[in-house]
Amino acid sequence: MSEFLDLQKKRRSIYGLGKNVSQSPAELNTLVKDAIENTPSAFNSQSVQAVVLTGAAHEKLWNITLDELKKVSANEEAFAQTKAKVDGAFKAGVGTVLYYTDKNIIQGLKDNAPLYAANFDDWSEQGVGIAAYAVWLTLAEAGIGASLQHYNPLIDAAVAEEFNLPSNWVLRGQMPFGSIEAPAGDKDYLAEDVRFRFFQD
């Protein structure tokens, strides 16, 4: 079995996160930056932008998320359940990667290549997915657990204001990460004959 396939199997959604990592905040930032810089994007547009939060900034993100979730929670009981999940599975980690799409870059692609204009939004989403997966694999290789969350667009405005982010950046996902305090559960797979087709001459 290839080392890459082994790494793919190692990458899982980890919800039991902690702060017991050996890397410094600067080293964690470099892991994320290097992974994203080397991912492909349509027309080499590099439309994926990222923000790495550790320490107090990481805590602030999830406090903002809880503040926004409380506004839309059905009742106190429902919010208490949500808070337990956010505190235990996300905020408990050592950091979070925020993935953004630069909408100005996407609009520039549409303007400069109108023949493909209808595709660039889809291709930008593919770019975010590729970048997030690359970071996820990089973190897994370093022995760091992570998951991918989507509290956007609920938290977009508050997060942009708190961290003074450009208005042309659109939040696409949040990846809390940290030490693996509890392993992922078993993973089920669809039957191969349901999911895959193979044809040859």
Protein backbone atom coordinates (compact mmCIF):
# COMPACT_ATOMS: atom_id res chain seq x y z
CA MET A 1 0.00 0.00 0.00
CA SER A 2 1.34 3.46 -0.88
CA GLU A 3 2.39 5.96 1.78
CA PHE A 4 -0.11 8.43 0.36
CA LEU A 5 -3.00 6.00 0.69
CA ASP A 6 -1.92 5.27 4.25
CA LEU A 7 -2.01 9.01 4.94
CA GLN A 8 -5.46 9.30 3.39
CA LYS A 9 -6.71 6.60 5.73
CA LYS A 10 -5.07 8.37 8.68
CA ARG A 11 -6.95 11.60 7.93
CA ARG A 12 -10.26 11.49 9.76
CA SER A 13 -12.75 13.89 11.30
CA ILE A 14 -11.47 14.22 14.85
CA TYR A 15 -13.89 15.68 17.40
CA GLY A 16 -11.88 14.90 20.50
CA LEU A 17 -9.35 17.71 20.23
CA GLY A 18 -6.87 19.09 22.73
CA LYS A 19 -4.02 21.57 22.95
CA ASN A 20 -1.20 19.04 23.42
CA VAL A 21 0.71 19.57 20.18
CA SER A 22 4.48 19.77 19.87
CA GLN A 23 4.54 22.40 17.12
CA SER A 24 4.72 26.11 17.89
CA PRO A 25 2.02 28.46 16.57
CA ALA A 26 4.48 29.69 13.94
CA GLU A 27 5.23 26.12 12.85
CA LEU A 28 1.52 25.34 12.60
CA ASN A 29 1.01 28.45 10.48
CA THR A 30 3.83 27.35 8.16
CA LEU A 31 2.29 23.87 7.75
CA VAL A 32 -0.98 25.42 6.62
CA LYS A 33 0.63 28.06 4.41
CA ASP A 34 2.91 25.59 2.62
CA ALA A 35 0.06 23.14 2.01
CA ILE A 36 -2.20 25.79 0.47
CA GLU A 37 0.51 27.45 -1.61
CA ASN A 38 1.14 24.14 -3.36
CA THR A 39 -2.46 23.28 -4.22
CA PRO A 40 -3.81 23.71 -7.77
CA SER A 41 -6.50 26.21 -8.73
CA ALA A 42 -8.32 27.01 -11.96
CA PHE A 43 -6.13 29.19 -14.20
CA ASN A 44 -3.66 29.26 -11.28
CA SER A 45 -5.99 31.89 -9.84
CA GLN A 46 -4.94 31.20 -6.22
CA SER A 47 -8.38 32.35 -5.10
CA VAL A 48 -8.19 30.47 -1.79
CA GLN A 49 -7.16 32.66 1.11
CA ALA A 50 -6.60 31.41 4.65
CA VAL A 51 -6.48 32.73 8.19
CA VAL A 52 -4.78 30.66 10.90
CA LEU A 53 -5.93 31.36 14.44
CA THR A 54 -4.24 30.04 17.57
CA GLY A 55 -4.34 30.95 21.24
CA ALA A 56 -6.69 33.79 22.17
CA ALA A 57 -7.63 34.39 18.53
CA HIS A 58 -8.81 30.77 18.19
CA GLU A 59 -10.83 31.10 21.42
CA LYS A 60 -12.34 34.35 20.16
CA LEU A 61 -13.53 32.71 16.95
CA TRP A 62 -15.51 30.07 18.79
CA ASN A 63 -16.88 32.61 21.28
CA ILE A 64 -18.15 34.59 18.29
CA THR A 65 -19.66 31.42 16.86
CA LEU A 66 -21.46 30.70 20.12
CA ASP A 67 -22.73 34.29 20.31
CA GLU A 68 -24.21 33.99 16.83
CA LEU A 69 -25.61 30.52 17.45
CA LYS A 70 -27.34 31.68 20.63
CA LYS A 71 -29.25 34.27 18.59
CA VAL A 72 -30.79 31.54 16.42
CA SER A 73 -31.18 28.73 18.95
CA ALA A 74 -34.71 27.50 19.56
CA ASN A 75 -34.34 27.59 23.34
CA GLU A 76 -31.82 27.44 26.17
CA GLU A 77 -31.75 23.65 26.16
CA ALA A 78 -30.94 23.52 22.47
CA PHE A 79 -28.21 26.13 22.90
CA ALA A 80 -26.70 24.21 25.83
CA GLN A 81 -26.31 21.16 23.57
CA THR A 82 -24.78 23.28 20.83
CA LYS A 83 -22.40 24.95 23.28
CA ALA A 84 -21.22 21.59 24.61
CA LYS A 85 -20.40 20.49 21.05
CA VAL A 86 -18.57 23.71 20.14
CA ASP A 87 -16.62 23.79 23.40
CA GLY A 88 -15.68 20.12 23.35
CA ALA A 89 -15.06 19.42 19.68
CA PHE A 90 -13.82 22.73 18.27
CA LYS A 91 -12.83 25.30 20.87
CA ALA A 92 -10.90 22.64 22.82
CA GLY A 93 -8.36 22.45 20.00
CA VAL A 94 -5.21 24.49 19.64
CA GLY A 95 -6.21 26.43 16.52
CA THR A 96 -8.51 26.91 13.56
CA VAL A 97 -7.96 27.48 9.86
CA LEU A 98 -10.49 29.74 8.16
CA TYR A 99 -10.84 29.14 4.42
CA TYR A 100 -11.88 32.04 2.20
CA THR A 101 -12.53 32.68 -1.47
CA ASP A 102 -11.42 36.03 -2.87
CA LYS A 103 -14.48 37.08 -4.87
CA ASN A 104 -12.49 39.81 -6.65
CA ILE A 105 -10.23 37.17 -8.16
CA ILE A 106 -13.25 35.15 -9.27
CA GLN A 107 -14.89 38.21 -10.83
CA GLY A 108 -11.65 39.03 -12.63
CA LEU A 109 -11.60 35.52 -14.11
CA LYS A 110 -15.18 35.94 -15.29
CA ASP A 111 -14.36 39.27 -16.89
CA ASN A 112 -11.19 38.04 -18.58
CA ALA A 113 -12.48 34.65 -19.72
CA PRO A 114 -16.21 35.14 -20.37
CA LEU A 115 -16.46 31.86 -22.25
CA TYR A 116 -15.94 30.08 -18.91
CA ALA A 117 -17.66 32.63 -16.67
CA ALA A 118 -20.44 30.26 -15.62
CA ASN A 119 -17.87 27.77 -14.30
CA PHE A 120 -15.65 29.90 -12.12
CA ASP A 121 -17.83 29.77 -9.00
CA ASP A 122 -17.86 25.97 -9.16
CA TRP A 123 -14.14 25.86 -9.83
CA SER A 124 -13.46 28.16 -6.89
CA GLU A 125 -15.34 25.74 -4.63
CA GLN A 126 -13.19 22.92 -5.97
CA GLY A 127 -10.16 25.02 -5.09
CA VAL A 128 -11.33 25.43 -1.51
CA GLY A 129 -11.95 21.70 -1.26
CA ILE A 130 -8.52 20.84 -2.59
CA ALA A 131 -6.83 23.33 -0.25
CA ALA A 132 -8.75 22.10 2.80
CA TYR A 133 -7.93 18.48 1.97
CA ALA A 134 -4.26 19.30 1.49
CA VAL A 135 -4.12 21.01 4.89
CA TRP A 136 -6.06 18.15 6.49
CA LEU A 137 -3.58 15.60 5.14
CA THR A 138 -0.65 17.77 6.23
CA LEU A 139 -2.03 18.01 9.75
CA ALA A 140 -2.71 14.27 9.84
CA GLU A 141 0.87 13.58 8.75
CA ALA A 142 2.05 15.74 11.67
CA GLY A 143 -0.12 13.75 14.09
CA ILE A 144 -2.67 16.55 14.46
CA GLY A 145 -6.41 15.96 14.38
CA ALA A 146 -8.93 18.20 12.60
CA SER A 147 -12.46 18.45 11.25
CA LEU A 148 -14.12 20.71 8.70
CA GLN A 149 -17.05 22.87 9.85
CA HIS A 150 -19.40 25.29 8.10
CA TYR A 151 -20.83 27.97 10.37
CA ASN A 152 -20.72 30.37 7.46
CA PRO A 153 -22.56 32.56 6.59
CA LEU A 154 -23.89 32.89 10.16
CA ILE A 155 -20.56 34.10 11.55
CA ASP A 156 -19.16 35.86 8.48
CA ALA A 157 -19.75 39.49 9.40
CA ALA A 158 -18.70 39.19 13.04
CA VAL A 159 -15.51 37.29 12.17
CA ALA A 160 -14.56 39.73 9.40
CA GLU A 161 -15.02 42.64 11.79
CA GLU A 162 -13.10 41.04 14.65
CA PHE A 163 -10.07 40.14 12.53
CA ASN A 164 -10.28 43.08 10.11
CA LEU A 165 -10.52 40.89 7.02
CA PRO A 166 -11.04 42.20 3.47
CA SER A 167 -14.65 42.60 2.38
CA ASN A 168 -13.91 40.68 -0.84
CA TRP A 169 -13.07 37.53 1.13
CA VAL A 170 -15.99 35.09 1.46
CA LEU A 171 -15.81 32.54 4.27
CA ARG A 172 -16.19 28.95 3.03
CA GLY A 173 -15.26 26.77 6.00
CA GLN A 174 -13.58 26.44 9.38
CA MET A 175 -11.09 23.72 10.35
CA PRO A 176 -10.48 23.39 14.09
CA PHE A 177 -7.35 21.35 14.86
CA GLY A 178 -5.38 20.08 17.81
CA SER A 179 -4.02 17.04 19.55
CA ILE A 180 -6.02 13.84 19.12
CA GLU A 181 -7.60 13.18 22.50
CA ALA A 182 -10.12 10.63 21.19
CA PRO A 183 -9.91 8.63 17.96
CA ALA A 184 -12.42 8.83 15.13
CA GLY A 185 -15.13 6.21 15.01
CA ASP A 186 -15.43 3.45 12.45
CA LYS A 187 -15.95 4.55 8.87
CA ASP A 188 -18.52 2.92 6.62
CA TYR A 189 -18.07 2.64 2.86
CA LEU A 190 -20.65 2.38 0.10
CA ALA A 191 -20.49 -0.81 -1.90
CA GLU A 192 -18.01 -0.48 -4.78
CA ASP A 193 -20.58 -1.50 -7.39
CA VAL A 194 -22.83 1.34 -6.21
CA ARG A 195 -20.18 4.04 -6.22
CA PHE A 196 -17.78 3.18 -9.02
CA ARG A 197 -17.85 2.26 -12.70
CA PHE A 198 -14.94 0.97 -14.78
CA PHE A 199 -14.86 0.53 -18.54
CA GLN A 200 -12.08 -0.63 -20.81
CA ASP A 201 -11.71 -1.47 -24.48
